[in-house]
C-alpha cells in the first residue's frame, strides 16, 4: 500500500510536465517503497 498527501501525481506520458496535486490518495497492490528501496 502506498499513501500520499500533497504529492505530485503524473498521469500522462505524452505530457510529462502535467501533474495534479491530490490532497490525499492511495494505491493498492504497489510496493510501499519505490523499487522496494
ModelCIF file with pLDDT and N, C-alpha, C, O atoms, coordinates in Angstrom:
data_MODEL
#
_entry.id   MODEL 
#
_entity.id                         1 
_entity.type                       polymer 
_entity.pdbx_number_of_molecules   1 
#
_entity_poly.entity_id                      1 
_entity_poly.type                           'polypeptide(L)' 
_entity_poly.nstd_linkage                   no 
_entity_poly.nstd_monomer                   no 
_entity_poly.pdbx_seq_one_letter_code       
;(UNK)(UNK)(UNK)(UNK)(UNK)(UNK)(UNK)(UNK)(UNK)(UNK)(UNK)(UNK)(UNK)(UNK)(UNK)(UNK)
(UNK)(UNK)(UNK)(UNK)(UNK)(UNK)(UNK)(UNK)(UNK)(UNK)(UNK)(UNK)(UNK)(UNK)(UNK)(UNK)
(UNK)(UNK)(UNK)(UNK)(UNK)
;
_entity_poly.pdbx_seq_one_letter_code_can   XXXXXXXXXXXXXXXXXXXXXXXXXXXXXXXXXXXXX 
_entity_poly.pdbx_strand_id                 A 
#
loop_
_entity_poly_seq.entity_id 
_entity_poly_seq.num 
_entity_poly_seq.mon_id 
_entity_poly_seq.hetero 
1 1  UNK n 
1 2  UNK n 
1 3  UNK n 
1 4  UNK n 
1 5  UNK n 
1 6  UNK n 
1 7  UNK n 
1 8  UNK n 
1 9  UNK n 
1 10 UNK n 
1 11 UNK n 
1 12 UNK n 
1 13 UNK n 
1 14 UNK n 
1 15 UNK n 
1 16 UNK n 
1 17 UNK n 
1 18 UNK n 
1 19 UNK n 
1 20 UNK n 
1 21 UNK n 
1 22 UNK n 
1 23 UNK n 
1 24 UNK n 
1 25 UNK n 
1 26 UNK n 
1 27 UNK n 
1 28 UNK n 
1 29 UNK n 
1 30 UNK n 
1 31 UNK n 
1 32 UNK n 
1 33 UNK n 
1 34 UNK n 
1 35 UNK n 
1 36 UNK n 
1 37 UNK n 
#
_struct_asym.id          A 
_struct_asym.entity_id   1 
#
loop_
_ma_qa_metric.id 
_ma_qa_metric.mode 
_ma_qa_metric.name 
_ma_qa_metric.software_group_id 
_ma_qa_metric.type 
1 global pLDDT . pLDDT 
2 local  pLDDT . pLDDT 
#
_ma_qa_metric_global.metric_id      1 
_ma_qa_metric_global.metric_value   93.54 
_ma_qa_metric_global.model_id       1 
_ma_qa_metric_global.ordinal_id     1 
#
loop_
_ma_qa_metric_local.label_asym_id 
_ma_qa_metric_local.label_comp_id 
_ma_qa_metric_local.label_seq_id 
_ma_qa_metric_local.metric_id 
_ma_qa_metric_local.metric_value 
_ma_qa_metric_local.model_id 
_ma_qa_metric_local.ordinal_id 
A UNK 1  2 97.00 1 1  
A UNK 2  2 97.00 1 2  
A UNK 3  2 97.00 1 3  
A UNK 4  2 97.00 1 4  
A UNK 5  2 95.00 1 5  
A UNK 6  2 92.00 1 6  
A UNK 7  2 96.00 1 7  
A UNK 8  2 97.00 1 8  
A UNK 9  2 98.00 1 9  
A UNK 10 2 97.00 1 10 
A UNK 11 2 95.00 1 11 
A UNK 12 2 93.00 1 12 
A UNK 13 2 94.00 1 13 
A UNK 14 2 93.00 1 14 
A UNK 15 2 92.00 1 15 
A UNK 16 2 93.00 1 16 
A UNK 17 2 91.00 1 17 
A UNK 18 2 93.00 1 18 
A UNK 19 2 94.00 1 19 
A UNK 20 2 95.00 1 20 
A UNK 21 2 94.00 1 21 
A UNK 22 2 96.00 1 22 
A UNK 23 2 96.00 1 23 
A UNK 24 2 97.00 1 24 
A UNK 25 2 98.00 1 25 
A UNK 26 2 98.00 1 26 
A UNK 27 2 98.00 1 27 
A UNK 28 2 97.00 1 28 
A UNK 29 2 96.00 1 29 
A UNK 30 2 95.00 1 30 
A UNK 31 2 94.00 1 31 
A UNK 32 2 92.00 1 32 
A UNK 33 2 89.00 1 33 
A UNK 34 2 85.00 1 34 
A UNK 35 2 80.00 1 35 
A UNK 36 2 79.00 1 36 
A UNK 37 2 81.00 1 37 
#
loop_
_atom_site.group_PDB 
_atom_site.id 
_atom_site.type_symbol 
_atom_site.label_atom_id 
_atom_site.label_alt_id 
_atom_site.label_comp_id 
_atom_site.label_asym_id 
_atom_site.label_entity_id 
_atom_site.label_seq_id 
_atom_site.pdbx_PDB_ins_code 
_atom_site.Cartn_x 
_atom_site.Cartn_y 
_atom_site.Cartn_z 
_atom_site.occupancy 
_atom_site.B_iso_or_equiv 
_atom_site.pdbx_formal_charge 
_atom_site.auth_seq_id 
_atom_site.auth_comp_id 
_atom_site.auth_asym_id 
_atom_site.auth_atom_id 
_atom_site.pdbx_PDB_model_num 
ATOM 1   N N  . UNK A 1 1  ? 0.845  -1.189 0.000   1.00 97.00 ? 1  UNK A N  1 
ATOM 2   C CA . UNK A 1 1  ? 0.000  0.000  0.000   1.00 97.00 ? 1  UNK A CA 1 
ATOM 3   C C  . UNK A 1 1  ? 0.881  1.240  0.000   1.00 97.00 ? 1  UNK A C  1 
ATOM 4   O O  . UNK A 1 1  ? 1.805  1.361  0.804   1.00 97.00 ? 1  UNK A O  1 
ATOM 5   N N  . UNK A 1 2  ? 0.585  2.155  -0.908  1.00 97.00 ? 2  UNK A N  1 
ATOM 6   C CA . UNK A 1 2  ? 1.279  3.448  -0.938  1.00 97.00 ? 2  UNK A CA 1 
ATOM 7   C C  . UNK A 1 2  ? 0.252  4.554  -0.731  1.00 97.00 ? 2  UNK A C  1 
ATOM 8   O O  . UNK A 1 2  ? -0.771 4.609  -1.414  1.00 97.00 ? 2  UNK A O  1 
ATOM 9   N N  . UNK A 1 3  ? 0.541  5.429  0.220   1.00 97.00 ? 3  UNK A N  1 
ATOM 10  C CA . UNK A 1 3  ? -0.361 6.533  0.558   1.00 97.00 ? 3  UNK A CA 1 
ATOM 11  C C  . UNK A 1 3  ? 0.398  7.840  0.391   1.00 97.00 ? 3  UNK A C  1 
ATOM 12  O O  . UNK A 1 3  ? 1.556  7.950  0.793   1.00 97.00 ? 3  UNK A O  1 
ATOM 13  N N  . UNK A 1 4  ? -0.258 8.829  -0.201  1.00 97.00 ? 4  UNK A N  1 
ATOM 14  C CA . UNK A 1 4  ? 0.406  10.117 -0.421  1.00 97.00 ? 4  UNK A CA 1 
ATOM 15  C C  . UNK A 1 4  ? -0.497 11.275 -0.033  1.00 97.00 ? 4  UNK A C  1 
ATOM 16  O O  . UNK A 1 4  ? -1.716 11.223 -0.198  1.00 97.00 ? 4  UNK A O  1 
ATOM 17  N N  . UNK A 1 5  ? 0.130  12.314 0.485   1.00 95.00 ? 5  UNK A N  1 
ATOM 18  C CA . UNK A 1 5  ? -0.554 13.557 0.843   1.00 95.00 ? 5  UNK A CA 1 
ATOM 19  C C  . UNK A 1 5  ? 0.157  14.716 0.170   1.00 95.00 ? 5  UNK A C  1 
ATOM 20  O O  . UNK A 1 5  ? 1.364  14.889 0.337   1.00 95.00 ? 5  UNK A O  1 
ATOM 21  N N  . UNK A 1 6  ? -0.583 15.510 -0.591  1.00 92.00 ? 6  UNK A N  1 
ATOM 22  C CA . UNK A 1 6  ? 0.001  16.681 -1.260  1.00 92.00 ? 6  UNK A CA 1 
ATOM 23  C C  . UNK A 1 6  ? 1.222  16.311 -2.082  1.00 92.00 ? 6  UNK A C  1 
ATOM 24  O O  . UNK A 1 6  ? 2.248  16.988 -2.016  1.00 92.00 ? 6  UNK A O  1 
ATOM 25  N N  . UNK A 1 7  ? 1.116  15.252 -2.846  1.00 96.00 ? 7  UNK A N  1 
ATOM 26  C CA . UNK A 1 7  ? 2.219  14.802 -3.709  1.00 96.00 ? 7  UNK A CA 1 
ATOM 27  C C  . UNK A 1 7  ? 1.828  14.963 -5.169  1.00 96.00 ? 7  UNK A C  1 
ATOM 28  O O  . UNK A 1 7  ? 0.672  14.750 -5.535  1.00 96.00 ? 7  UNK A O  1 
ATOM 29  N N  . UNK A 1 8  ? 2.781  15.335 -5.994  1.00 97.00 ? 8  UNK A N  1 
ATOM 30  C CA . UNK A 1 8  ? 2.514  15.454 -7.426  1.00 97.00 ? 8  UNK A CA 1 
ATOM 31  C C  . UNK A 1 8  ? 2.192  14.087 -8.023  1.00 97.00 ? 8  UNK A C  1 
ATOM 32  O O  . UNK A 1 8  ? 2.907  13.112 -7.796  1.00 97.00 ? 8  UNK A O  1 
ATOM 33  N N  . UNK A 1 9  ? 1.117  14.035 -8.780  1.00 98.00 ? 9  UNK A N  1 
ATOM 34  C CA . UNK A 1 9  ? 0.662  12.813 -9.432  1.00 98.00 ? 9  UNK A CA 1 
ATOM 35  C C  . UNK A 1 9  ? 0.726  13.033 -10.948 1.00 98.00 ? 9  UNK A C  1 
ATOM 36  O O  . UNK A 1 9  ? -0.043 13.815 -11.507 1.00 98.00 ? 9  UNK A O  1 
ATOM 37  N N  . UNK A 1 10 ? 1.651  12.333 -11.596 1.00 97.00 ? 10 UNK A N  1 
ATOM 38  C CA . UNK A 1 10 ? 1.838  12.472 -13.042 1.00 97.00 ? 10 UNK A CA 1 
ATOM 39  C C  . UNK A 1 10 ? 1.081  11.359 -13.752 1.00 97.00 ? 10 UNK A C  1 
ATOM 40  O O  . UNK A 1 10 ? 1.223  10.184 -13.414 1.00 97.00 ? 10 UNK A O  1 
ATOM 41  N N  . UNK A 1 11 ? 0.265  11.743 -14.753 1.00 95.00 ? 11 UNK A N  1 
ATOM 42  C CA . UNK A 1 11 ? -0.668 10.779 -15.324 1.00 95.00 ? 11 UNK A CA 1 
ATOM 43  C C  . UNK A 1 11 ? -0.538 10.543 -16.815 1.00 95.00 ? 11 UNK A C  1 
ATOM 44  O O  . UNK A 1 11 ? -1.113 9.583  -17.329 1.00 95.00 ? 11 UNK A O  1 
ATOM 45  N N  . UNK A 1 12 ? 0.201  11.387 -17.532 1.00 93.00 ? 12 UNK A N  1 
ATOM 46  C CA . UNK A 1 12 ? 0.197  11.313 -18.995 1.00 93.00 ? 12 UNK A CA 1 
ATOM 47  C C  . UNK A 1 12 ? 1.625  11.307 -19.528 1.00 93.00 ? 12 UNK A C  1 
ATOM 48  O O  . UNK A 1 12 ? 2.315  12.325 -19.461 1.00 93.00 ? 12 UNK A O  1 
ATOM 49  N N  . UNK A 1 13 ? 2.073  10.173 -20.054 1.00 94.00 ? 13 UNK A N  1 
ATOM 50  C CA . UNK A 1 13 ? 3.440  10.061 -20.566 1.00 94.00 ? 13 UNK A CA 1 
ATOM 51  C C  . UNK A 1 13 ? 3.672  10.974 -21.768 1.00 94.00 ? 13 UNK A C  1 
ATOM 52  O O  . UNK A 1 13 ? 4.817  11.301 -22.079 1.00 94.00 ? 13 UNK A O  1 
ATOM 53  N N  . UNK A 1 14 ? 2.609  11.387 -22.445 1.00 93.00 ? 14 UNK A N  1 
ATOM 54  C CA . UNK A 1 14 ? 2.747  12.302 -23.593 1.00 93.00 ? 14 UNK A CA 1 
ATOM 55  C C  . UNK A 1 14 ? 2.967  13.737 -23.150 1.00 93.00 ? 14 UNK A C  1 
ATOM 56  O O  . UNK A 1 14 ? 3.456  14.564 -23.919 1.00 93.00 ? 14 UNK A O  1 
ATOM 57  N N  . UNK A 1 15 ? 2.604  14.031 -21.903 1.00 92.00 ? 15 UNK A N  1 
ATOM 58  C CA . UNK A 1 15 ? 2.779  15.373 -21.352 1.00 92.00 ? 15 UNK A CA 1 
ATOM 59  C C  . UNK A 1 15 ? 3.413  15.216 -19.971 1.00 92.00 ? 15 UNK A C  1 
ATOM 60  O O  . UNK A 1 15 ? 2.729  15.290 -18.950 1.00 92.00 ? 15 UNK A O  1 
ATOM 61  N N  . UNK A 1 16 ? 4.711  15.000 -19.955 1.00 93.00 ? 16 UNK A N  1 
ATOM 62  C CA . UNK A 1 16 ? 5.400  14.647 -18.703 1.00 93.00 ? 16 UNK A CA 1 
ATOM 63  C C  . UNK A 1 16 ? 5.455  15.786 -17.695 1.00 93.00 ? 16 UNK A C  1 
ATOM 64  O O  . UNK A 1 16 ? 5.766  15.565 -16.525 1.00 93.00 ? 16 UNK A O  1 
ATOM 65  N N  . UNK A 1 17 ? 5.153  17.010 -18.144 1.00 91.00 ? 17 UNK A N  1 
ATOM 66  C CA . UNK A 1 17 ? 5.152  18.132 -17.209 1.00 91.00 ? 17 UNK A CA 1 
ATOM 67  C C  . UNK A 1 17 ? 3.808  18.380 -16.554 1.00 91.00 ? 17 UNK A C  1 
ATOM 68  O O  . UNK A 1 17 ? 3.696  19.203 -15.645 1.00 91.00 ? 17 UNK A O  1 
ATOM 69  N N  . UNK A 1 18 ? 2.785  17.670 -17.013 1.00 93.00 ? 18 UNK A N  1 
ATOM 70  C CA . UNK A 1 18 ? 1.459  17.851 -16.434 1.00 93.00 ? 18 UNK A CA 1 
ATOM 71  C C  . UNK A 1 18 ? 1.306  16.968 -15.195 1.00 93.00 ? 18 UNK A C  1 
ATOM 72  O O  . UNK A 1 18 ? 1.689  15.798 -15.192 1.00 93.00 ? 18 UNK A O  1 
ATOM 73  N N  . UNK A 1 19 ? 0.748  17.546 -14.168 1.00 94.00 ? 19 UNK A N  1 
ATOM 74  C CA . UNK A 1 19 ? 0.502  16.759 -12.950 1.00 94.00 ? 19 UNK A CA 1 
ATOM 75  C C  . UNK A 1 19 ? -0.663 17.363 -12.179 1.00 94.00 ? 19 UNK A C  1 
ATOM 76  O O  . UNK A 1 19 ? -1.044 18.516 -12.384 1.00 94.00 ? 19 UNK A O  1 
ATOM 77  N N  . UNK A 1 20 ? -1.211 16.554 -11.291 1.00 95.00 ? 20 UNK A N  1 
ATOM 78  C CA . UNK A 1 20 ? -2.207 17.033 -10.336 1.00 95.00 ? 20 UNK A CA 1 
ATOM 79  C C  . UNK A 1 20 ? -1.637 16.839 -8.932  1.00 95.00 ? 20 UNK A C  1 
ATOM 80  O O  . UNK A 1 20 ? -0.666 16.111 -8.725  1.00 95.00 ? 20 UNK A O  1 
ATOM 81  N N  . UNK A 1 21 ? -2.263 17.503 -7.992  1.00 94.00 ? 21 UNK A N  1 
ATOM 82  C CA . UNK A 1 21 ? -1.734 17.528 -6.626  1.00 94.00 ? 21 UNK A CA 1 
ATOM 83  C C  . UNK A 1 21 ? -2.862 17.154 -5.655  1.00 94.00 ? 21 UNK A C  1 
ATOM 84  O O  . UNK A 1 21 ? -3.359 18.019 -4.934  1.00 94.00 ? 21 UNK A O  1 
ATOM 85  N N  . UNK A 1 22 ? -3.268 15.892 -5.626  1.00 96.00 ? 22 UNK A N  1 
ATOM 86  C CA . UNK A 1 22 ? -4.397 15.498 -4.761  1.00 96.00 ? 22 UNK A CA 1 
ATOM 87  C C  . UNK A 1 22 ? -4.088 15.773 -3.290  1.00 96.00 ? 22 UNK A C  1 
ATOM 88  O O  . UNK A 1 22 ? -2.937 15.712 -2.858  1.00 96.00 ? 22 UNK A O  1 
ATOM 89  N N  . UNK A 1 23 ? -5.132 16.074 -2.539  1.00 96.00 ? 23 UNK A N  1 
ATOM 90  C CA . UNK A 1 23 ? -4.946 16.246 -1.100  1.00 96.00 ? 23 UNK A CA 1 
ATOM 91  C C  . UNK A 1 23 ? -4.531 14.927 -0.451  1.00 96.00 ? 23 UNK A C  1 
ATOM 92  O O  . UNK A 1 23 ? -3.734 14.902 0.488   1.00 96.00 ? 23 UNK A O  1 
ATOM 93  N N  . UNK A 1 24 ? -5.089 13.832 -0.972  1.00 97.00 ? 24 UNK A N  1 
ATOM 94  C CA . UNK A 1 24 ? -4.772 12.505 -0.410  1.00 97.00 ? 24 UNK A CA 1 
ATOM 95  C C  . UNK A 1 24 ? -5.122 11.448 -1.451  1.00 97.00 ? 24 UNK A C  1 
ATOM 96  O O  . UNK A 1 24 ? -6.171 11.529 -2.090  1.00 97.00 ? 24 UNK A O  1 
ATOM 97  N N  . UNK A 1 25 ? -4.254 10.465 -1.622  1.00 98.00 ? 25 UNK A N  1 
ATOM 98  C CA . UNK A 1 25 ? -4.610 9.337  -2.478  1.00 98.00 ? 25 UNK A CA 1 
ATOM 99  C C  . UNK A 1 25 ? -3.887 8.084  -2.024  1.00 98.00 ? 25 UNK A C  1 
ATOM 100 O O  . UNK A 1 25 ? -2.853 8.148  -1.359  1.00 98.00 ? 25 UNK A O  1 
ATOM 101 N N  . UNK A 1 26 ? -4.452 6.939  -2.396  1.00 98.00 ? 26 UNK A N  1 
ATOM 102 C CA . UNK A 1 26 ? -3.876 5.656  -2.015  1.00 98.00 ? 26 UNK A CA 1 
ATOM 103 C C  . UNK A 1 26 ? -3.831 4.734  -3.223  1.00 98.00 ? 26 UNK A C  1 
ATOM 104 O O  . UNK A 1 26 ? -4.744 4.705  -4.048  1.00 98.00 ? 26 UNK A O  1 
ATOM 105 N N  . UNK A 1 27 ? -2.746 3.987  -3.300  1.00 98.00 ? 27 UNK A N  1 
ATOM 106 C CA . UNK A 1 27 ? -2.565 2.986  -4.347  1.00 98.00 ? 27 UNK A CA 1 
ATOM 107 C C  . UNK A 1 27 ? -2.412 1.635  -3.651  1.00 98.00 ? 27 UNK A C  1 
ATOM 108 O O  . UNK A 1 27 ? -1.628 1.507  -2.711  1.00 98.00 ? 27 UNK A O  1 
ATOM 109 N N  . UNK A 1 28 ? -3.148 0.639  -4.105  1.00 97.00 ? 28 UNK A N  1 
ATOM 110 C CA . UNK A 1 28 ? -3.035 -0.696 -3.515  1.00 97.00 ? 28 UNK A CA 1 
ATOM 111 C C  . UNK A 1 28 ? -2.449 -1.648 -4.556  1.00 97.00 ? 28 UNK A C  1 
ATOM 112 O O  . UNK A 1 28 ? -2.671 -1.499 -5.758  1.00 97.00 ? 28 UNK A O  1 
ATOM 113 N N  . UNK A 1 29 ? -1.691 -2.633 -4.059  1.00 96.00 ? 29 UNK A N  1 
ATOM 114 C CA . UNK A 1 29 ? -1.065 -3.581 -4.962  1.00 96.00 ? 29 UNK A CA 1 
ATOM 115 C C  . UNK A 1 29 ? 0.235  -3.085 -5.548  1.00 96.00 ? 29 UNK A C  1 
ATOM 116 O O  . UNK A 1 29 ? 0.721  -3.630 -6.539  1.00 96.00 ? 29 UNK A O  1 
ATOM 117 N N  . UNK A 1 30 ? 0.812  -2.043 -4.937  1.00 95.00 ? 30 UNK A N  1 
ATOM 118 C CA . UNK A 1 30 ? 2.093  -1.499 -5.391  1.00 95.00 ? 30 UNK A CA 1 
ATOM 119 C C  . UNK A 1 30 ? 3.049  -1.509 -4.202  1.00 95.00 ? 30 UNK A C  1 
ATOM 120 O O  . UNK A 1 30 ? 2.609  -1.443 -3.054  1.00 95.00 ? 30 UNK A O  1 
ATOM 121 N N  . UNK A 1 31 ? 4.343  -1.589 -4.465  1.00 94.00 ? 31 UNK A N  1 
ATOM 122 C CA . UNK A 1 31 ? 5.305  -1.576 -3.366  1.00 94.00 ? 31 UNK A CA 1 
ATOM 123 C C  . UNK A 1 31 ? 5.238  -0.259 -2.602  1.00 94.00 ? 31 UNK A C  1 
ATOM 124 O O  . UNK A 1 31 ? 5.136  0.813  -3.199  1.00 94.00 ? 31 UNK A O  1 
ATOM 125 N N  . UNK A 1 32 ? 5.296  -0.351 -1.288  1.00 92.00 ? 32 UNK A N  1 
ATOM 126 C CA . UNK A 1 32 ? 5.255  0.856  -0.445  1.00 92.00 ? 32 UNK A CA 1 
ATOM 127 C C  . UNK A 1 32 ? 6.422  1.790  -0.772  1.00 92.00 ? 32 UNK A C  1 
ATOM 128 O O  . UNK A 1 32 ? 6.267  3.011  -0.756  1.00 92.00 ? 32 UNK A O  1 
ATOM 129 N N  . UNK A 1 33 ? 7.587  1.214  -1.069  1.00 89.00 ? 33 UNK A N  1 
ATOM 130 C CA . UNK A 1 33 ? 8.766  1.986  -1.436  1.00 89.00 ? 33 UNK A CA 1 
ATOM 131 C C  . UNK A 1 33 ? 9.021  1.870  -2.931  1.00 89.00 ? 33 UNK A C  1 
ATOM 132 O O  . UNK A 1 33 ? 8.739  0.837  -3.538  1.00 89.00 ? 33 UNK A O  1 
ATOM 133 N N  . UNK A 1 34 ? 9.550  2.924  -3.516  1.00 85.00 ? 34 UNK A N  1 
ATOM 134 C CA . UNK A 1 34 ? 9.842  2.900  -4.944  1.00 85.00 ? 34 UNK A CA 1 
ATOM 135 C C  . UNK A 1 34 ? 10.959 1.900  -5.221  1.00 85.00 ? 34 UNK A C  1 
ATOM 136 O O  . UNK A 1 34 ? 12.044 1.994  -4.647  1.00 85.00 ? 34 UNK A O  1 
ATOM 137 N N  . UNK A 1 35 ? 10.686 0.943  -6.106  1.00 80.00 ? 35 UNK A N  1 
ATOM 138 C CA . UNK A 1 35 ? 11.619 -0.136 -6.423  1.00 80.00 ? 35 UNK A CA 1 
ATOM 139 C C  . UNK A 1 35 ? 12.094 -0.840 -5.154  1.00 80.00 ? 35 UNK A C  1 
ATOM 140 O O  . UNK A 1 35 ? 13.218 -1.334 -5.077  1.00 80.00 ? 35 UNK A O  1 
ATOM 141 N N  . UNK A 1 36 ? 11.192 -0.871 -4.149  1.00 79.00 ? 36 UNK A N  1 
ATOM 142 C CA . UNK A 1 36 ? 11.401 -1.575 -2.885  1.00 79.00 ? 36 UNK A CA 1 
ATOM 143 C C  . UNK A 1 36 ? 12.573 -1.048 -2.062  1.00 79.00 ? 36 UNK A C  1 
ATOM 144 O O  . UNK A 1 36 ? 13.083 -1.750 -1.188  1.00 79.00 ? 36 UNK A O  1 
ATOM 145 N N  . UNK A 1 37 ? 13.000 0.181  -2.335  1.00 81.00 ? 37 UNK A N  1 
ATOM 146 C CA . UNK A 1 37 ? 14.176 0.652  -1.604  1.00 81.00 ? 37 UNK A CA 1 
ATOM 147 C C  . UNK A 1 37 ? 14.199 2.138  -1.269  1.00 81.00 ? 37 UNK A C  1 
ATOM 148 O O  . UNK A 1 37 ? 15.152 2.617  -0.656  1.00 81.00 ? 37 UNK A O  1 
#
